[in-house]
Amino acid sequence: MQGIRIDNRGRMHFSLVAAAPKWDVTIYRTDDKTCVHETLDQFKATGVVTELLVKKQARSFEKLAKDKTDIKIGPLPGRRLTNARALYEYIPLGKYAAPQAEDVIYTVYKLPTNGGIPTKYLKRINGTDWLSGVKRDGSAKTYITTQSVDMTKISPDLFVPPSGYRVAKSVQEVLLSKDNRDASGDLDVFFDSNKSPRKPQ
C-alpha cells in the first residue's frame, strides 16, 4: 500500500489522503470545500485532535499480550494478541503497507498499531465516565472493528487531494462544518486551532 485514505463517517465527516513518494497529508471536507495540507512530520507533531479529547495510547500492544496467535484476517496473515482484559488483532506491514501508512493511522486514532494495521481492539474498562458520571466497571469498549479485508486493485486517484478547495486556517476549521463552527466556539480547546495554514514544502 503506497497510499492511505481515511473517510471519517462520524460527526466530523472529514477525509484524509496521503501517498508516496512525499506522504504529505491533506485533510479536507467536501461540504465546505475546505482543506489543510501538512507534511507528514508536521501532521505527526499535531495530529487531528488534542489529547484533551483523545488520549494517546502506547504504540505497541506486544508487551501487554499474554497470548499471541497467528491468524488470517481476510486473505492476509494477521496476529491476535490477548490478555485478561483485551483482544487485539492487526496485520503486520510486511509487503502490504508502507511504514508511513502506519504513521498516519497511529497519529489519527492514537491507538496501538503494533507496527502494523490494526483491525480489531476490544477492551474491558473500569472507572467512571468523565462526561456522564456512569460507572463502567467491567463494561466492554470497542476501539476498532473491521467489517472486511479484501485484496483489490484501486485507482491512484483515490489518494489525490481535491483541487480548488479553500485552504483553511486550522485543522479545526476543516473538521467542524460551517454550521457547527457558527453554533459554538467552545470546541476550540479540543483542537490545535492556533496553527496558521500549512502547505507542503
C-alpha atoms as a PDB file:
ATOM      1  CA  MET A   1       0.000   0.000   0.000  1.00  0.00           C
ATOM      2  CA  GLN A   2       1.668   3.188  -1.214  1.00  0.00           C
ATOM      3  CA  GLY A   3      -1.105   5.493  -0.088  1.00  0.00           C
ATOM      4  CA  ILE A   4      -3.719   5.812   2.606  1.00  0.00           C
ATOM      5  CA  ARG A   5      -7.188   7.298   2.631  1.00  0.00           C
ATOM      6  CA  ILE A   6      -9.431   7.727   5.661  1.00  0.00           C
ATOM      7  CA  ASP A   7     -13.066   8.768   5.257  1.00  0.00           C
ATOM      8  CA  ASN A   8     -14.471   9.616   8.662  1.00  0.00           C
ATOM      9  CA  ARG A   9     -18.154   8.643   8.870  1.00  0.00           C
ATOM     10  CA  GLY A  10     -18.643  10.071  12.359  1.00  0.00           C
ATOM     11  CA  ARG A  11     -19.742  13.544  13.391  1.00  0.00           C
ATOM     12  CA  MET A  12     -16.856  15.362  11.722  1.00  0.00           C
ATOM     13  CA  HIS A  13     -17.143  13.799   8.248  1.00  0.00           C
ATOM     14  CA  PHE A  14     -13.626  14.610   7.103  1.00  0.00           C
ATOM     15  CA  SER A  15     -11.404  12.821   4.612  1.00  0.00           C
ATOM     16  CA  LEU A  16      -7.646  12.358   4.771  1.00  0.00           C
ATOM     17  CA  VAL A  17      -5.280  11.320   1.996  1.00  0.00           C
ATOM     18  CA  ALA A  18      -1.522  10.776   1.830  1.00  0.00           C
ATOM     19  CA  ALA A  19       0.611   8.921  -0.678  1.00  0.00           C
ATOM     20  CA  ALA A  20       4.141   8.128  -1.778  1.00  0.00           C
ATOM     21  CA  PRO A  21       6.646   9.477  -2.509  1.00  0.00           C
ATOM     22  CA  LYS A  22       6.308  12.544  -0.232  1.00  0.00           C
ATOM     23  CA  TRP A  23       3.469  11.334   2.017  1.00  0.00           C
ATOM     24  CA  ASP A  24       2.186  14.867   2.564  1.00  0.00           C
ATOM     25  CA  VAL A  25      -1.143  14.756   4.418  1.00  0.00           C
ATOM     26  CA  THR A  26      -4.269  16.559   3.232  1.00  0.00           C
ATOM     27  CA  ILE A  27      -7.343  16.753   5.473  1.00  0.00           C
ATOM     28  CA  TYR A  28     -10.486  18.031   3.756  1.00  0.00           C
ATOM     29  CA  ARG A  29     -14.260  18.044   3.794  1.00  0.00           C
ATOM     30  CA  THR A  30     -16.432  18.088   0.701  1.00  0.00           C
ATOM     31  CA  ASP A  31     -19.419  20.030   2.043  1.00  0.00           C
ATOM     32  CA  ASP A  32     -17.465  23.175   2.939  1.00  0.00           C
ATOM     33  CA  LYS A  33     -14.767  22.511   0.313  1.00  0.00           C
ATOM     34  CA  THR A  34     -12.028  23.348   2.803  1.00  0.00           C
ATOM     35  CA  CYS A  35      -8.668  21.656   3.302  1.00  0.00           C
ATOM     36  CA  VAL A  36      -5.416  21.733   5.244  1.00  0.00           C
ATOM     37  CA  HIS A  37      -2.071  20.495   3.885  1.00  0.00           C
ATOM     38  CA  GLU A  38       0.773  19.319   6.118  1.00  0.00           C
ATOM     39  CA  THR A  39       3.983  17.383   5.700  1.00  0.00           C
ATOM     40  CA  LEU A  40       3.927  14.000   7.392  1.00  0.00           C
ATOM     41  CA  ASP A  41       6.276  15.277  10.107  1.00  0.00           C
ATOM     42  CA  GLN A  42       4.020  18.271  10.772  1.00  0.00           C
ATOM     43  CA  PHE A  43       0.984  16.012  10.935  1.00  0.00           C
ATOM     44  CA  LYS A  44       2.682  13.582  13.338  1.00  0.00           C
ATOM     45  CA  ALA A  45       3.515  16.503  15.629  1.00  0.00           C
ATOM     46  CA  THR A  46      -0.012  17.946  15.763  1.00  0.00           C
ATOM     47  CA  GLY A  47      -2.423  15.101  14.921  1.00  0.00           C
ATOM     48  CA  VAL A  48      -6.112  15.691  14.395  1.00  0.00           C
ATOM     49  CA  VAL A  49      -7.391  16.434  17.903  1.00  0.00           C
ATOM     50  CA  THR A  50      -5.578  17.240  21.127  1.00  0.00           C
ATOM     51  CA  GLU A  51      -5.014  14.729  23.888  1.00  0.00           C
ATOM     52  CA  LEU A  52      -7.551  16.632  25.973  1.00  0.00           C
ATOM     53  CA  LEU A  53     -10.153  14.846  23.861  1.00  0.00           C
ATOM     54  CA  VAL A  54      -8.405  11.632  22.810  1.00  0.00           C
ATOM     55  CA  LYS A  55      -5.549  10.347  24.964  1.00  0.00           C
ATOM     56  CA  LYS A  56      -2.700   8.791  23.012  1.00  0.00           C
ATOM     57  CA  GLN A  57      -2.178   5.118  23.890  1.00  0.00           C
ATOM     58  CA  ALA A  58       1.083   3.216  23.643  1.00  0.00           C
ATOM     59  CA  ARG A  59       2.001   2.350  20.073  1.00  0.00           C
ATOM     60  CA  SER A  60       2.787  -1.290  20.841  1.00  0.00           C
ATOM     61  CA  PHE A  61       0.410  -3.849  22.331  1.00  0.00           C
ATOM     62  CA  GLU A  62       3.046  -6.586  22.338  1.00  0.00           C
ATOM     63  CA  LYS A  63       4.200  -6.178  25.955  1.00  0.00           C
ATOM     64  CA  LEU A  64       0.610  -6.224  27.207  1.00  0.00           C
ATOM     65  CA  ALA A  65      -0.228  -9.515  25.485  1.00  0.00           C
ATOM     66  CA  LYS A  66      -0.267 -12.819  27.347  1.00  0.00           C
ATOM     67  CA  ASP A  67      -1.264 -14.955  24.367  1.00  0.00           C
ATOM     68  CA  LYS A  68      -0.115 -14.455  20.762  1.00  0.00           C
ATOM     69  CA  THR A  69      -1.645 -16.323  17.832  1.00  0.00           C
ATOM     70  CA  ASP A  70      -1.129 -16.252  14.069  1.00  0.00           C
ATOM     71  CA  ILE A  71      -4.480 -15.841  12.299  1.00  0.00           C
ATOM     72  CA  LYS A  72      -5.918 -14.936   8.896  1.00  0.00           C
ATOM     73  CA  ILE A  73      -7.598 -11.550   8.543  1.00  0.00           C
ATOM     74  CA  GLY A  74      -9.460 -11.815   5.261  1.00  0.00           C
ATOM     75  CA  PRO A  75      -6.865 -13.083   2.758  1.00  0.00           C
ATOM     76  CA  LEU A  76      -3.919 -11.672   4.725  1.00  0.00           C
ATOM     77  CA  PRO A  77      -1.779 -13.083   7.532  1.00  0.00           C
ATOM     78  CA  GLY A  78      -2.518 -11.433  10.851  1.00  0.00           C
ATOM     79  CA  ARG A  79      -1.806 -11.646  14.550  1.00  0.00           C
ATOM     80  CA  ARG A  80      -4.131 -11.879  17.550  1.00  0.00           C
ATOM     81  CA  LEU A  81      -2.840 -10.624  20.898  1.00  0.00           C
ATOM     82  CA  THR A  82      -4.885 -11.092  24.064  1.00  0.00           C
ATOM     83  CA  ASN A  83      -4.714 -10.632  27.797  1.00  0.00           C
ATOM     84  CA  ALA A  84      -7.266 -10.866  30.595  1.00  0.00           C
ATOM     85  CA  ARG A  85      -8.863  -7.551  29.636  1.00  0.00           C
ATOM     86  CA  ALA A  86      -8.333  -7.059  25.900  1.00  0.00           C
ATOM     87  CA  LEU A  87      -8.343  -8.611  22.445  1.00  0.00           C
ATOM     88  CA  TYR A  88      -6.217  -7.002  19.744  1.00  0.00           C
ATOM     89  CA  GLU A  89      -5.761  -8.022  16.092  1.00  0.00           C
ATOM     90  CA  TYR A  90      -3.572  -6.489  13.410  1.00  0.00           C
ATOM     91  CA  ILE A  91      -1.972  -7.077  10.018  1.00  0.00           C
ATOM     92  CA  PRO A  92       1.842  -6.752  10.086  1.00  0.00           C
ATOM     93  CA  LEU A  93       3.069  -4.277   7.477  1.00  0.00           C
ATOM     94  CA  GLY A  94       5.226  -6.718   5.511  1.00  0.00           C
ATOM     95  CA  LYS A  95       4.753  -6.108   1.806  1.00  0.00           C
ATOM     96  CA  TYR A  96       1.192  -4.873   2.245  1.00  0.00           C
ATOM     97  CA  ALA A  97       1.734  -1.338   3.506  1.00  0.00           C
ATOM     98  CA  ALA A  98       4.436   1.300   3.807  1.00  0.00           C
ATOM     99  CA  PRO A  99       5.603   2.412   7.283  1.00  0.00           C
ATOM    100  CA  GLN A 100       4.175   5.883   6.557  1.00  0.00           C
ATOM    101  CA  ALA A 101       0.664   4.410   6.397  1.00  0.00           C
ATOM    102  CA  GLU A 102       1.104   3.095   9.932  1.00  0.00           C
ATOM    103  CA  ASP A 103       2.375   6.534  10.994  1.00  0.00           C
ATOM    104  CA  VAL A 104      -0.827   8.149   9.712  1.00  0.00           C
ATOM    105  CA  ILE A 105      -3.104   5.599  11.368  1.00  0.00           C
ATOM    106  CA  TYR A 106      -1.419   5.991  14.754  1.00  0.00           C
ATOM    107  CA  THR A 107      -1.479   9.790  14.519  1.00  0.00           C
ATOM    108  CA  VAL A 108      -5.192   9.885  13.643  1.00  0.00           C
ATOM    109  CA  TYR A 109      -6.534   7.324  16.098  1.00  0.00           C
ATOM    110  CA  LYS A 110      -3.859   7.376  18.860  1.00  0.00           C
ATOM    111  CA  LEU A 111      -4.434   3.661  19.407  1.00  0.00           C
ATOM    112  CA  PRO A 112      -1.903   0.803  19.308  1.00  0.00           C
ATOM    113  CA  THR A 113      -0.813  -0.200  15.811  1.00  0.00           C
ATOM    114  CA  ASN A 114       1.857  -2.685  16.906  1.00  0.00           C
ATOM    115  CA  GLY A 115       3.806  -1.593  13.872  1.00  0.00           C
ATOM    116  CA  GLY A 116       1.057  -2.704  11.517  1.00  0.00           C
ATOM    117  CA  ILE A 117      -2.540  -2.078  10.518  1.00  0.00           C
ATOM    118  CA  PRO A 118      -4.935  -2.618  13.457  1.00  0.00           C
ATOM    119  CA  THR A 119      -8.220  -4.331  12.598  1.00  0.00           C
ATOM    120  CA  LYS A 120      -9.789  -5.087  16.000  1.00  0.00           C
ATOM    121  CA  TYR A 121      -9.329  -3.772  19.508  1.00  0.00           C
ATOM    122  CA  LEU A 122     -11.778  -4.702  22.266  1.00  0.00           C
ATOM    123  CA  LYS A 123     -11.192  -3.960  25.939  1.00  0.00           C
ATOM    124  CA  ARG A 124     -12.976  -4.273  29.268  1.00  0.00           C
ATOM    125  CA  ILE A 125     -12.732  -0.994  31.138  1.00  0.00           C
ATOM    126  CA  ASN A 126     -13.195   0.199  34.698  1.00  0.00           C
ATOM    127  CA  GLY A 127     -13.865   3.572  36.265  1.00  0.00           C
ATOM    128  CA  THR A 128     -16.429   6.295  35.793  1.00  0.00           C
ATOM    129  CA  ASP A 129     -17.127   8.088  32.530  1.00  0.00           C
ATOM    130  CA  TRP A 130     -15.865  11.652  32.990  1.00  0.00           C
ATOM    131  CA  LEU A 131     -18.713  13.131  30.946  1.00  0.00           C
ATOM    132  CA  SER A 132     -21.787  11.163  32.035  1.00  0.00           C
ATOM    133  CA  GLY A 133     -20.697  10.040  35.505  1.00  0.00           C
ATOM    134  CA  VAL A 134     -21.804   6.481  34.672  1.00  0.00           C
ATOM    135  CA  LYS A 135     -19.765   3.690  36.237  1.00  0.00           C
ATOM    136  CA  ARG A 136     -18.309   1.393  33.584  1.00  0.00           C
ATOM    137  CA  ASP A 137     -16.703  -1.336  35.687  1.00  0.00           C
ATOM    138  CA  GLY A 138     -16.251  -4.417  33.538  1.00  0.00           C
ATOM    139  CA  SER A 139     -18.060  -2.950  30.542  1.00  0.00           C
ATOM    140  CA  ALA A 140     -16.747  -3.665  27.048  1.00  0.00           C
ATOM    141  CA  LYS A 141     -15.378  -0.907  24.844  1.00  0.00           C
ATOM    142  CA  THR A 142     -14.812  -1.309  21.114  1.00  0.00           C
ATOM    143  CA  TYR A 143     -11.959   0.869  19.863  1.00  0.00           C
ATOM    144  CA  ILE A 144     -11.645  -0.705  16.412  1.00  0.00           C
ATOM    145  CA  THR A 145     -13.678  -3.217  14.488  1.00  0.00           C
ATOM    146  CA  THR A 146     -13.255  -4.127  10.827  1.00  0.00           C
ATOM    147  CA  GLN A 147     -16.091  -5.406   8.662  1.00  0.00           C
ATOM    148  CA  SER A 148     -13.942  -6.955   5.938  1.00  0.00           C
ATOM    149  CA  VAL A 149     -10.452  -7.038   4.467  1.00  0.00           C
ATOM    150  CA  ASP A 150     -10.013  -7.643   0.744  1.00  0.00           C
ATOM    151  CA  MET A 151      -7.253  -7.500  -1.858  1.00  0.00           C
ATOM    152  CA  THR A 152      -8.323  -5.386  -4.821  1.00  0.00           C
ATOM    153  CA  LYS A 153      -6.909  -3.044  -7.432  1.00  0.00           C
ATOM    154  CA  ILE A 154      -7.724   0.613  -6.894  1.00  0.00           C
ATOM    155  CA  SER A 155      -7.033   3.788  -8.801  1.00  0.00           C
ATOM    156  CA  PRO A 156      -4.149   6.007  -7.612  1.00  0.00           C
ATOM    157  CA  ASP A 157      -6.647   8.874  -7.917  1.00  0.00           C
ATOM    158  CA  LEU A 158      -8.138   7.679  -4.628  1.00  0.00           C
ATOM    159  CA  PHE A 159      -5.157   9.205  -2.826  1.00  0.00           C
ATOM    160  CA  VAL A 160      -5.087  12.524  -4.690  1.00  0.00           C
ATOM    161  CA  PRO A 161      -6.352  15.535  -2.693  1.00  0.00           C
ATOM    162  CA  PRO A 162      -9.118  17.587  -4.311  1.00  0.00           C
ATOM    163  CA  SER A 163      -8.202  20.745  -6.183  1.00  0.00           C
ATOM    164  CA  GLY A 164      -9.839  24.143  -5.882  1.00  0.00           C
ATOM    165  CA  TYR A 165     -10.623  23.833  -2.167  1.00  0.00           C
ATOM    166  CA  ARG A 166     -10.079  26.779   0.172  1.00  0.00           C
ATOM    167  CA  VAL A 167      -7.053  26.333   2.430  1.00  0.00           C
ATOM    168  CA  ALA A 168      -8.364  26.674   5.981  1.00  0.00           C
ATOM    169  CA  LYS A 169      -6.639  28.446   8.859  1.00  0.00           C
ATOM    170  CA  SER A 170      -6.542  25.323  11.007  1.00  0.00           C
ATOM    171  CA  VAL A 171      -7.352  21.637  11.196  1.00  0.00           C
ATOM    172  CA  GLN A 172     -10.256  22.601  13.464  1.00  0.00           C
ATOM    173  CA  GLU A 173     -11.831  24.699  10.743  1.00  0.00           C
ATOM    174  CA  VAL A 174     -11.789  21.726   8.407  1.00  0.00           C
ATOM    175  CA  LEU A 175     -13.029  19.190  10.943  1.00  0.00           C
ATOM    176  CA  LEU A 176     -16.011  21.246  12.069  1.00  0.00           C
ATOM    177  CA  SER A 177     -18.655  22.024   9.488  1.00  0.00           C
ATOM    178  CA  LYS A 178     -19.639  25.646   8.945  1.00  0.00           C
ATOM    179  CA  ASP A 179     -22.926  25.088  10.806  1.00  0.00           C
ATOM    180  CA  ASN A 180     -21.092  23.701  13.841  1.00  0.00           C
ATOM    181  CA  ARG A 181     -18.472  26.448  13.735  1.00  0.00           C
ATOM    182  CA  ASP A 182     -21.168  29.117  13.671  1.00  0.00           C
ATOM    183  CA  ALA A 183     -23.069  27.460  16.529  1.00  0.00           C
ATOM    184  CA  SER A 184     -20.246  27.219  19.043  1.00  0.00           C
ATOM    185  CA  GLY A 185     -16.746  28.463  19.670  1.00  0.00           C
ATOM    186  CA  ASP A 186     -16.402  26.335  22.777  1.00  0.00           C
ATOM    187  CA  LEU A 187     -14.829  23.420  20.918  1.00  0.00           C
ATOM    188  CA  ASP A 188     -11.571  25.261  20.260  1.00  0.00           C
ATOM    189  CA  VAL A 189      -9.939  23.600  23.250  1.00  0.00           C
ATOM    190  CA  PHE A 190     -10.267  20.170  21.658  1.00  0.00           C
ATOM    191  CA  PHE A 191      -8.288  21.082  18.559  1.00  0.00           C
ATOM    192  CA  ASP A 192      -4.908  22.569  17.798  1.00  0.00           C
ATOM    193  CA  SER A 193      -6.599  25.654  16.412  1.00  0.00           C
ATOM    194  CA  ASN A 194      -3.818  28.201  16.769  1.00  0.00           C
ATOM    195  CA  LYS A 195      -1.935  26.984  13.738  1.00  0.00           C
ATOM    196  CA  SER A 196      -1.570  29.029  10.553  1.00  0.00           C
ATOM    197  CA  PRO A 197      -2.356  27.371   7.215  1.00  0.00           C
ATOM    198  CA  ARG A 198       0.283  24.948   6.046  1.00  0.00           C
ATOM    199  CA  LYS A 199       1.181  23.809   2.609  1.00  0.00           C
ATOM    200  CA  PRO A 200       3.596  21.014   1.695  1.00  0.00           C
ATOM    201  CA  GLN A 201       7.176  22.203   1.352  1.00  0.00           C
END
